[in-house]
């Protein structure tokens, strides 16, 4: 199993902007069969060093991670993220 974690810091860090992008990310839930679980959360501390949104997804294998990455639903989300993000960081590890 692979855990995929991504942190997003947005250009517009207003609560409305953050919630909109979190909603876009949550919209993937249940639409990509290789994703066994998907969780999206928004930061509650709101410090300067905090990222605004975290996404955690679990897939069965590296192959499934690639399928997720290339999936049309994910690619539509990537387009949105590329427009609104200031920076994103990711880590993928075996569990």
PDB file of N, CA and C in Angstrom:
ATOM      1  N   UNK A   1       0.843  -1.178   0.000  1.00  0.00           N
ATOM      2  CA  UNK A   1       0.000   0.000   0.000  1.00  0.00           C
ATOM      3  C   UNK A   1       0.891   1.244   0.000  1.00  0.00           C
ATOM      4  N   UNK A   2       0.392   2.267  -0.664  1.00  0.00           N
ATOM      5  CA  UNK A   2       1.112   3.535  -0.774  1.00  0.00           C
ATOM      6  C   UNK A   2       0.236   4.648  -0.204  1.00  0.00           C
ATOM      7  N   UNK A   3       0.826   5.463   0.647  1.00  0.00           N
ATOM      8  CA  UNK A   3       0.148   6.659   1.145  1.00  0.00           C
ATOM      9  C   UNK A   3       0.734   7.853   0.394  1.00  0.00           C
ATOM     10  N   UNK A   4      -0.156   8.650  -0.174  1.00  0.00           N
ATOM     11  CA  UNK A   4       0.192   9.827  -0.970  1.00  0.00           C
ATOM     12  C   UNK A   4      -0.312  11.050  -0.194  1.00  0.00           C
ATOM     13  N   UNK A   5       0.610  11.932   0.189  1.00  0.00           N
ATOM     14  CA  UNK A   5       0.254  13.126   0.961  1.00  0.00           C
ATOM     15  C   UNK A   5       0.745  14.355   0.204  1.00  0.00           C
ATOM     16  N   UNK A   6      -0.146  15.329   0.047  1.00  0.00           N
ATOM     17  CA  UNK A   6       0.216  16.575  -0.630  1.00  0.00           C
ATOM     18  C   UNK A   6      -0.242  17.745   0.234  1.00  0.00           C
ATOM     19  N   UNK A   7       0.626  18.733   0.374  1.00  0.00           N
ATOM     20  CA  UNK A   7       0.307  19.978   1.074  1.00  0.00           C
ATOM     21  C   UNK A   7       0.238  21.097   0.044  1.00  0.00           C
ATOM     22  N   UNK A   8      -0.763  21.965   0.192  1.00  0.00           N
ATOM     23  CA  UNK A   8      -0.957  23.077  -0.724  1.00  0.00           C
ATOM     24  C   UNK A   8      -0.976  24.392   0.051  1.00  0.00           C
ATOM     25  N   UNK A   9      -0.227  25.370  -0.454  1.00  0.00           N
ATOM     26  CA  UNK A   9      -0.323  26.750   0.023  1.00  0.00           C
ATOM     27  C   UNK A   9      -0.842  27.551  -1.171  1.00  0.00           C
ATOM     28  N   UNK A  10      -1.935  28.248  -0.969  1.00  0.00           N
ATOM     29  CA  UNK A  10      -2.591  28.948  -2.064  1.00  0.00           C
ATOM     30  C   UNK A  10      -2.110  30.386  -2.193  1.00  0.00           C
ATOM     31  N   UNK A  11      -2.265  30.925  -3.391  1.00  0.00           N
ATOM     32  CA  UNK A  11      -1.958  32.342  -3.624  1.00  0.00           C
ATOM     33  C   UNK A  11      -2.916  33.211  -2.815  1.00  0.00           C
ATOM     34  N   UNK A  12      -4.201  32.890  -2.898  1.00  0.00           N
ATOM     35  CA  UNK A  12      -5.235  33.580  -2.136  1.00  0.00           C
ATOM     36  C   UNK A  12      -5.548  32.716  -0.915  1.00  0.00           C
ATOM     37  N   UNK A  13      -5.126  33.174   0.250  1.00  0.00           N
ATOM     38  CA  UNK A  13      -5.255  32.372   1.465  1.00  0.00           C
ATOM     39  C   UNK A  13      -6.508  32.717   2.258  1.00  0.00           C
ATOM     40  N   UNK A  14      -7.481  33.329   1.600  1.00  0.00           N
ATOM     41  CA  UNK A  14      -8.740  33.641   2.284  1.00  0.00           C
ATOM     42  C   UNK A  14      -9.497  32.344   2.582  1.00  0.00           C
ATOM     43  N   UNK A  15     -10.286  32.334   3.637  1.00  0.00           N
ATOM     44  CA  UNK A  15     -11.061  31.124   3.971  1.00  0.00           C
ATOM     45  C   UNK A  15     -11.938  30.641   2.814  1.00  0.00           C
ATOM     46  N   UNK A  16     -12.504  31.563   2.053  1.00  0.00           N
ATOM     47  CA  UNK A  16     -13.368  31.187   0.929  1.00  0.00           C
ATOM     48  C   UNK A  16     -12.570  30.475  -0.167  1.00  0.00           C
ATOM     49  N   UNK A  17     -11.406  30.992  -0.474  1.00  0.00           N
ATOM     50  CA  UNK A  17     -10.557  30.393  -1.498  1.00  0.00           C
ATOM     51  C   UNK A  17     -10.086  29.005  -1.060  1.00  0.00           C
ATOM     52  N   UNK A  18      -9.673  28.914   0.193  1.00  0.00           N
ATOM     53  CA  UNK A  18      -9.206  27.623   0.720  1.00  0.00           C
ATOM     54  C   UNK A  18     -10.329  26.596   0.690  1.00  0.00           C
ATOM     55  N   UNK A  19     -11.503  26.977   1.123  1.00  0.00           N
ATOM     56  CA  UNK A  19     -12.621  26.029   1.139  1.00  0.00           C
ATOM     57  C   UNK A  19     -13.030  25.619  -0.270  1.00  0.00           C
ATOM     58  N   UNK A  20     -12.976  26.549  -1.208  1.00  0.00           N
ATOM     59  CA  UNK A  20     -13.317  26.203  -2.589  1.00  0.00           C
ATOM     60  C   UNK A  20     -12.358  25.145  -3.137  1.00  0.00           C
ATOM     61  N   UNK A  21     -11.060  25.358  -2.939  1.00  0.00           N
ATOM     62  CA  UNK A  21     -10.079  24.394  -3.445  1.00  0.00           C
ATOM     63  C   UNK A  21     -10.177  23.071  -2.707  1.00  0.00           C
ATOM     64  N   UNK A  22     -10.416  23.089  -1.403  1.00  0.00           N
ATOM     65  CA  UNK A  22     -10.619  21.841  -0.656  1.00  0.00           C
ATOM     66  C   UNK A  22     -11.820  21.085  -1.226  1.00  0.00           C
ATOM     67  N   UNK A  23     -12.871  21.803  -1.598  1.00  0.00           N
ATOM     68  CA  UNK A  23     -14.050  21.191  -2.185  1.00  0.00           C
ATOM     69  C   UNK A  23     -13.735  20.557  -3.539  1.00  0.00           C
ATOM     70  N   UNK A  24     -12.929  21.232  -4.335  1.00  0.00           N
ATOM     71  CA  UNK A  24     -12.506  20.673  -5.624  1.00  0.00           C
ATOM     72  C   UNK A  24     -11.748  19.367  -5.390  1.00  0.00           C
ATOM     73  N   UNK A  25     -10.850  19.363  -4.423  1.00  0.00           N
ATOM     74  CA  UNK A  25     -10.094  18.142  -4.105  1.00  0.00           C
ATOM     75  C   UNK A  25     -11.023  17.032  -3.612  1.00  0.00           C
ATOM     76  N   UNK A  26     -11.949  17.374  -2.730  1.00  0.00           N
ATOM     77  CA  UNK A  26     -12.895  16.373  -2.208  1.00  0.00           C
ATOM     78  C   UNK A  26     -13.775  15.805  -3.323  1.00  0.00           C
ATOM     79  N   UNK A  27     -13.954  16.562  -4.374  1.00  0.00           N
ATOM     80  CA  UNK A  27     -14.765  16.113  -5.491  1.00  0.00           C
ATOM     81  C   UNK A  27     -14.235  14.871  -6.181  1.00  0.00           C
ATOM     82  N   UNK A  28     -12.983  14.524  -5.948  1.00  0.00           N
ATOM     83  CA  UNK A  28     -12.425  13.289  -6.521  1.00  0.00           C
ATOM     84  C   UNK A  28     -12.906  12.051  -5.778  1.00  0.00           C
ATOM     85  N   UNK A  29     -13.372  12.229  -4.553  1.00  0.00           N
ATOM     86  CA  UNK A  29     -13.727  11.089  -3.700  1.00  0.00           C
ATOM     87  C   UNK A  29     -14.742  10.177  -4.396  1.00  0.00           C
ATOM     88  N   UNK A  30     -14.389   8.904  -4.504  1.00  0.00           N
ATOM     89  CA  UNK A  30     -15.268   7.909  -5.093  1.00  0.00           C
ATOM     90  C   UNK A  30     -15.271   7.868  -6.609  1.00  0.00           C
ATOM     91  N   UNK A  31     -14.487   8.704  -7.270  1.00  0.00           N
ATOM     92  CA  UNK A  31     -14.496   8.766  -8.734  1.00  0.00           C
ATOM     93  C   UNK A  31     -13.309   8.078  -9.391  1.00  0.00           C
ATOM     94  N   UNK A  32     -12.330   7.665  -8.571  1.00  0.00           N
ATOM     95  CA  UNK A  32     -11.150   6.974  -9.104  1.00  0.00           C
ATOM     96  C   UNK A  32     -11.031   5.669  -8.322  1.00  0.00           C
ATOM     97  N   UNK A  33     -11.366   4.548  -8.973  1.00  0.00           N
ATOM     98  CA  UNK A  33     -11.501   3.290  -8.233  1.00  0.00           C
ATOM     99  C   UNK A  33     -10.205   2.834  -7.561  1.00  0.00           C
ATOM    100  N   UNK A  34      -9.063   3.248  -8.073  1.00  0.00           N
ATOM    101  CA  UNK A  34      -7.784   2.838  -7.482  1.00  0.00           C
ATOM    102  C   UNK A  34      -7.519   3.513  -6.138  1.00  0.00           C
ATOM    103  N   UNK A  35      -8.202   4.611  -5.874  1.00  0.00           N
ATOM    104  CA  UNK A  35      -8.014   5.322  -4.607  1.00  0.00           C
ATOM    105  C   UNK A  35      -8.872   4.635  -3.540  1.00  0.00           C
ATOM    106  N   UNK A  36      -8.209   4.018  -2.587  1.00  0.00           N
ATOM    107  CA  UNK A  36      -8.893   3.269  -1.541  1.00  0.00           C
ATOM    108  C   UNK A  36      -9.466   4.194  -0.474  1.00  0.00           C
ATOM    109  N   UNK A  37      -8.776   5.298  -0.211  1.00  0.00           N
ATOM    110  CA  UNK A  37      -9.295   6.308   0.707  1.00  0.00           C
ATOM    111  C   UNK A  37      -8.736   7.668   0.303  1.00  0.00           C
ATOM    112  N   UNK A  38      -9.531   8.685   0.551  1.00  0.00           N
ATOM    113  CA  UNK A  38      -9.141  10.057   0.226  1.00  0.00           C
ATOM    114  C   UNK A  38      -9.629  10.957   1.344  1.00  0.00           C
ATOM    115  N   UNK A  39      -8.713  11.758   1.868  1.00  0.00           N
ATOM    116  CA  UNK A  39      -9.064  12.683   2.940  1.00  0.00           C
ATOM    117  C   UNK A  39      -8.468  14.042   2.603  1.00  0.00           C
ATOM    118  N   UNK A  40      -9.261  15.080   2.790  1.00  0.00           N
ATOM    119  CA  UNK A  40      -8.812  16.451   2.548  1.00  0.00           C
ATOM    120  C   UNK A  40      -9.133  17.257   3.796  1.00  0.00           C
ATOM    121  N   UNK A  41      -8.136  17.973   4.296  1.00  0.00           N
ATOM    122  CA  UNK A  41      -8.350  18.815   5.468  1.00  0.00           C
ATOM    123  C   UNK A  41      -7.750  20.188   5.265  1.00  0.00           C
ATOM    124  N   UNK A  42      -8.343  21.172   5.950  1.00  0.00           N
ATOM    125  CA  UNK A  42      -7.815  22.533   5.900  1.00  0.00           C
ATOM    126  C   UNK A  42      -7.165  22.872   7.236  1.00  0.00           C
ATOM    127  N   UNK A  43      -6.126  23.646   7.168  1.00  0.00           N
ATOM    128  CA  UNK A  43      -5.344  24.006   8.349  1.00  0.00           C
ATOM    129  C   UNK A  43      -6.168  24.839   9.331  1.00  0.00           C
ATOM    130  N   UNK A  44      -6.054  24.515  10.597  1.00  0.00           N
ATOM    131  CA  UNK A  44      -6.795  25.261  11.627  1.00  0.00           C
ATOM    132  C   UNK A  44      -5.911  26.254  12.381  1.00  0.00           C
ATOM    133  N   UNK A  45      -4.604  26.141  12.253  1.00  0.00           N
ATOM    134  CA  UNK A  45      -3.677  27.035  12.963  1.00  0.00           C
ATOM    135  C   UNK A  45      -3.525  28.365  12.220  1.00  0.00           C
ATOM    136  N   UNK A  46      -3.404  28.293  10.904  1.00  0.00           N
ATOM    137  CA  UNK A  46      -3.302  29.471  10.034  1.00  0.00           C
ATOM    138  C   UNK A  46      -2.079  30.345  10.341  1.00  0.00           C
ATOM    139  N   UNK A  47      -0.960  29.714  10.678  1.00  0.00           N
ATOM    140  CA  UNK A  47       0.275  30.468  10.887  1.00  0.00           C
ATOM    141  C   UNK A  47       0.946  30.713   9.536  1.00  0.00           C
ATOM    142  N   UNK A  48       1.915  31.582   9.523  1.00  0.00           N
ATOM    143  CA  UNK A  48       2.624  31.895   8.285  1.00  0.00           C
ATOM    144  C   UNK A  48       3.317  30.661   7.707  1.00  0.00           C
ATOM    145  N   UNK A  49       3.788  29.767   8.557  1.00  0.00           N
ATOM    146  CA  UNK A  49       4.484  28.578   8.060  1.00  0.00           C
ATOM    147  C   UNK A  49       3.538  27.447   7.697  1.00  0.00           C
ATOM    148  N   UNK A  50       2.264  27.577   8.046  1.00  0.00           N
ATOM    149  CA  UNK A  50       1.283  26.533   7.753  1.00  0.00           C
ATOM    150  C   UNK A  50       0.963  26.474   6.266  1.00  0.00           C
ATOM    151  N   UNK A  51       0.695  25.272   5.808  1.00  0.00           N
ATOM    152  CA  UNK A  51       0.101  25.099   4.493  1.00  0.00           C
ATOM    153  C   UNK A  51      -1.411  25.151   4.687  1.00  0.00           C
ATOM    154  N   UNK A  52      -2.134  25.471   3.628  1.00  0.00           N
ATOM    155  CA  UNK A  52      -3.575  25.697   3.746  1.00  0.00           C
ATOM    156  C   UNK A  52      -4.398  24.414   3.706  1.00  0.00           C
ATOM    157  N   UNK A  53      -3.969  23.463   2.894  1.00  0.00           N
ATOM    158  CA  UNK A  53      -4.748  22.247   2.660  1.00  0.00           C
ATOM    159  C   UNK A  53      -3.809  21.054   2.632  1.00  0.00           C
ATOM    160  N   UNK A  54      -4.285  19.928   3.178  1.00  0.00           N
ATOM    161  CA  UNK A  54      -3.566  18.661   3.064  1.00  0.00           C
ATOM    162  C   UNK A  54      -4.499  17.637   2.423  1.00  0.00           C
ATOM    163  N   UNK A  55      -3.952  16.871   1.499  1.00  0.00           N
ATOM    164  CA  UNK A  55      -4.666  15.757   0.885  1.00  0.00           C
ATOM    165  C   UNK A  55      -3.916  14.489   1.216  1.00  0.00           C
ATOM    166  N   UNK A  56      -4.635  13.469   1.664  1.00  0.00           N
ATOM    167  CA  UNK A  56      -4.051  12.157   1.918  1.00  0.00           C
ATOM    168  C   UNK A  56      -4.863  11.131   1.156  1.00  0.00           C
ATOM    169  N   UNK A  57      -4.185  10.342   0.341  1.00  0.00           N
ATOM    170  CA  UNK A  57      -4.843   9.279  -0.416  1.00  0.00           C
ATOM    171  C   UNK A  57      -4.067   7.989  -0.201  1.00  0.00           C
ATOM    172  N   UNK A  58      -4.785   6.878  -0.223  1.00  0.00           N
ATOM    173  CA  UNK A  58      -4.166   5.563  -0.111  1.00  0.00           C
ATOM    174  C   UNK A  58      -4.536   4.765  -1.349  1.00  0.00           C
ATOM    175  N   UNK A  59      -3.508   4.154  -1.955  1.00  0.00           N
ATOM    176  CA  UNK A  59      -3.689   3.271  -3.099  1.00  0.00           C
ATOM    177  C   UNK A  59      -2.954   1.967  -2.806  1.00  0.00           C
ATOM    178  N   UNK A  60      -3.251   0.934  -3.572  1.00  0.00           N
ATOM    179  CA  UNK A  60      -2.687  -0.382  -3.294  1.00  0.00           C
ATOM    180  C   UNK A  60      -1.240  -0.531  -3.749  1.00  0.00           C
ATOM    181  N   UNK A  61      -0.832   0.218  -4.780  1.00  0.00           N
ATOM    182  CA  UNK A  61       0.496  -0.008  -5.364  1.00  0.00           C
ATOM    183  C   UNK A  61       0.993   1.247  -6.072  1.00  0.00           C
ATOM    184  N   UNK A  62       2.265   1.221  -6.444  1.00  0.00           N
ATOM    185  CA  UNK A  62       2.819   2.317  -7.235  1.00  0.00           C
ATOM    186  C   UNK A  62       2.130   2.400  -8.596  1.00  0.00           C
ATOM    187  N   UNK A  63       1.739   1.255  -9.138  1.00  0.00           N
ATOM    188  CA  UNK A  63       1.003   1.239 -10.402  1.00  0.00           C
ATOM    189  C   UNK A  63      -0.334   1.975 -10.249  1.00  0.00           C
ATOM    190  N   UNK A  64      -1.036   1.716  -9.152  1.00  0.00           N
ATOM    191  CA  UNK A  64      -2.305   2.410  -8.905  1.00  0.00           C
ATOM    192  C   UNK A  64      -2.093   3.904  -8.679  1.00  0.00           C
ATOM    193  N   UNK A  65      -0.966   4.283  -8.084  1.00  0.00           N
ATOM    194  CA  UNK A  65      -0.653   5.701  -7.908  1.00  0.00           C
ATOM    195  C   UNK A  65      -0.495   6.372  -9.268  1.00  0.00           C
ATOM    196  N   UNK A  66       0.152   5.685 -10.207  1.00  0.00           N
ATOM    197  CA  UNK A  66       0.306   6.229 -11.556  1.00  0.00           C
ATOM    198  C   UNK A  66      -1.054   6.342 -12.238  1.00  0.00           C
ATOM    199  N   UNK A  67      -1.914   5.342 -12.076  1.00  0.00           N
ATOM    200  CA  UNK A  67      -3.264   5.405 -12.658  1.00  0.00           C
ATOM    201  C   UNK A  67      -4.008   6.608 -12.096  1.00  0.00           C
ATOM    202  N   UNK A  68      -3.931   6.795 -10.783  1.00  0.00           N
ATOM    203  CA  UNK A  68      -4.555   7.954 -10.130  1.00  0.00           C
ATOM    204  C   UNK A  68      -4.007   9.251 -10.718  1.00  0.00           C
ATOM    205  N   UNK A  69      -2.703   9.331 -10.820  1.00  0.00           N
ATOM    206  CA  UNK A  69      -2.065  10.547 -11.309  1.00  0.00           C
ATOM    207  C   UNK A  69      -2.520  10.891 -12.730  1.00  0.00           C
ATOM    208  N   UNK A  70      -2.674   9.891 -13.583  1.00  0.00           N
ATOM    209  CA  UNK A  70      -3.031  10.104 -14.979  1.00  0.00           C
ATOM    210  C   UNK A  70      -4.539  10.148 -15.232  1.00  0.00           C
ATOM    211  N   UNK A  71      -5.340   9.824 -14.226  1.00  0.00           N
ATOM    212  CA  UNK A  71      -6.789   9.735 -14.394  1.00  0.00           C
ATOM    213  C   UNK A  71      -7.375  11.093 -14.794  1.00  0.00           C
ATOM    214  N   UNK A  72      -8.333  11.115 -15.738  1.00  0.00           N
ATOM    215  CA  UNK A  72      -8.922  12.387 -16.179  1.00  0.00           C
ATOM    216  C   UNK A  72      -9.537  13.221 -15.051  1.00  0.00           C
ATOM    217  N   UNK A  73     -10.146  12.581 -14.060  1.00  0.00           N
ATOM    218  CA  UNK A  73     -10.713  13.334 -12.927  1.00  0.00           C
ATOM    219  C   UNK A  73      -9.601  14.051 -12.172  1.00  0.00           C
ATOM    220  N   UNK A  74      -8.498  13.356 -11.927  1.00  0.00           N
ATOM    221  CA  UNK A  74      -7.355  13.959 -11.231  1.00  0.00           C
ATOM    222  C   UNK A  74      -6.739  15.066 -12.084  1.00  0.00           C
ATOM    223  N   UNK A  75      -6.633  14.849 -13.377  1.00  0.00           N
ATOM    224  CA  UNK A  75      -6.026  15.849 -14.251  1.00  0.00           C
ATOM    225  C   UNK A  75      -6.837  17.154 -14.272  1.00  0.00           C
ATOM    226  N   UNK A  76      -8.155  17.063 -14.172  1.00  0.00           N
ATOM    227  CA  UNK A  76      -8.986  18.267 -14.077  1.00  0.00           C
ATOM    228  C   UNK A  76      -8.701  19.024 -12.778  1.00  0.00           C
ATOM    229  N   UNK A  77      -8.512  18.283 -11.696  1.00  0.00           N
ATOM    230  CA  UNK A  77      -8.182  18.900 -10.406  1.00  0.00           C
ATOM    231  C   UNK A  77      -6.805  19.559 -10.487  1.00  0.00           C
ATOM    232  N   UNK A  78      -5.861  18.895 -11.137  1.00  0.00           N
ATOM    233  CA  UNK A  78      -4.512  19.445 -11.298  1.00  0.00           C
ATOM    234  C   UNK A  78      -4.573  20.791 -12.014  1.00  0.00           C
ATOM    235  N   UNK A  79      -5.424  20.916 -13.023  1.00  0.00           N
ATOM    236  CA  UNK A  79      -5.568  22.197 -13.730  1.00  0.00           C
ATOM    237  C   UNK A  79      -5.985  23.303 -12.762  1.00  0.00           C
ATOM    238  N   UNK A  80      -6.969  23.002 -11.908  1.00  0.00           N
ATOM    239  CA  UNK A  80      -7.403  23.995 -10.916  1.00  0.00           C
ATOM    240  C   UNK A  80      -6.260  24.329  -9.962  1.00  0.00           C
ATOM    241  N   UNK A  81      -5.610  23.303  -9.452  1.00  0.00           N
ATOM    242  CA  UNK A  81      -4.525  23.512  -8.486  1.00  0.00           C
ATOM    243  C   UNK A  81      -3.425  24.376  -9.094  1.00  0.00           C
ATOM    244  N   UNK A  82      -3.073  24.119 -10.330  1.00  0.00           N
ATOM    245  CA  UNK A  82      -2.005  24.900 -10.969  1.00  0.00           C
ATOM    246  C   UNK A  82      -2.361  26.370 -11.094  1.00  0.00           C
ATOM    247  N   UNK A  83      -3.639  26.683 -11.145  1.00  0.00           N
ATOM    248  CA  UNK A  83      -4.071  28.078 -11.218  1.00  0.00           C
ATOM    249  C   UNK A  83      -4.042  28.765  -9.857  1.00  0.00           C
ATOM    250  N   UNK A  84      -4.298  28.032  -8.778  1.00  0.00           N
ATOM    251  CA  UNK A  84      -4.497  28.668  -7.469  1.00  0.00           C
ATOM    252  C   UNK A  84      -3.355  28.474  -6.479  1.00  0.00           C
ATOM    253  N   UNK A  85      -2.462  27.541  -6.730  1.00  0.00           N
ATOM    254  CA  UNK A  85      -1.428  27.250  -5.729  1.00  0.00           C
ATOM    255  C   UNK A  85      -0.262  28.223  -5.807  1.00  0.00           C
ATOM    256  N   UNK A  86       0.288  28.489  -4.645  1.00  0.00           N
ATOM    257  CA  UNK A  86       1.562  29.190  -4.551  1.00  0.00           C
ATOM    258  C   UNK A  86       2.665  28.142  -4.563  1.00  0.00           C
ATOM    259  N   UNK A  87       2.473  27.105  -3.757  1.00  0.00           N
ATOM    260  CA  UNK A  87       3.450  26.017  -3.655  1.00  0.00           C
ATOM    261  C   UNK A  87       2.729  24.753  -3.200  1.00  0.00           C
ATOM    262  N   UNK A  88       3.265  23.620  -3.629  1.00  0.00           N
ATOM    263  CA  UNK A  88       2.763  22.342  -3.115  1.00  0.00           C
ATOM    264  C   UNK A  88       3.957  21.432  -2.863  1.00  0.00           C
ATOM    265  N   UNK A  89       3.792  20.557  -1.892  1.00  0.00           N
ATOM    266  CA  UNK A  89       4.807  19.571  -1.531  1.00  0.00           C
ATOM    267  C   UNK A  89       4.129  18.219  -1.422  1.00  0.00           C
ATOM    268  N   UNK A  90       4.858  17.164  -1.772  1.00  0.00           N
ATOM    269  CA  UNK A  90       4.261  15.838  -1.717  1.00  0.00           C
ATOM    270  C   UNK A  90       5.258  14.826  -1.160  1.00  0.00           C
ATOM    271  N   UNK A  91       4.695  13.776  -0.569  1.00  0.00           N
ATOM    272  CA  UNK A  91       5.482  12.619  -0.163  1.00  0.00           C
ATOM    273  C   UNK A  91       4.631  11.386  -0.411  1.00  0.00           C
ATOM    274  N   UNK A  92       5.271  10.322  -0.879  1.00  0.00           N
ATOM    275  CA  UNK A  92       4.608   9.045  -1.119  1.00  0.00           C
ATOM    276  C   UNK A  92       5.442   7.980  -0.430  1.00  0.00           C
ATOM    277  N   UNK A  93       4.785   7.160   0.413  1.00  0.00           N
ATOM    278  CA  UNK A  93       5.541   6.142   1.115  1.00  0.00           C
ATOM    279  C   UNK A  93       4.728   4.877   1.292  1.00  0.00           C
ATOM    280  N   UNK A  94       5.425   3.784   1.490  1.00  0.00           N
ATOM    281  CA  UNK A  94       4.770   2.490   1.689  1.00  0.00           C
ATOM    282  C   UNK A  94       4.258   2.372   3.102  1.00  0.00           C
ATOM    283  N   UNK A  95       3.066   1.795   3.220  1.00  0.00           N
ATOM    284  CA  UNK A  95       2.503   1.530   4.541  1.00  0.00           C
ATOM    285  C   UNK A  95       2.193   0.052   4.671  1.00  0.00           C
TER     286      UNK A  95
END
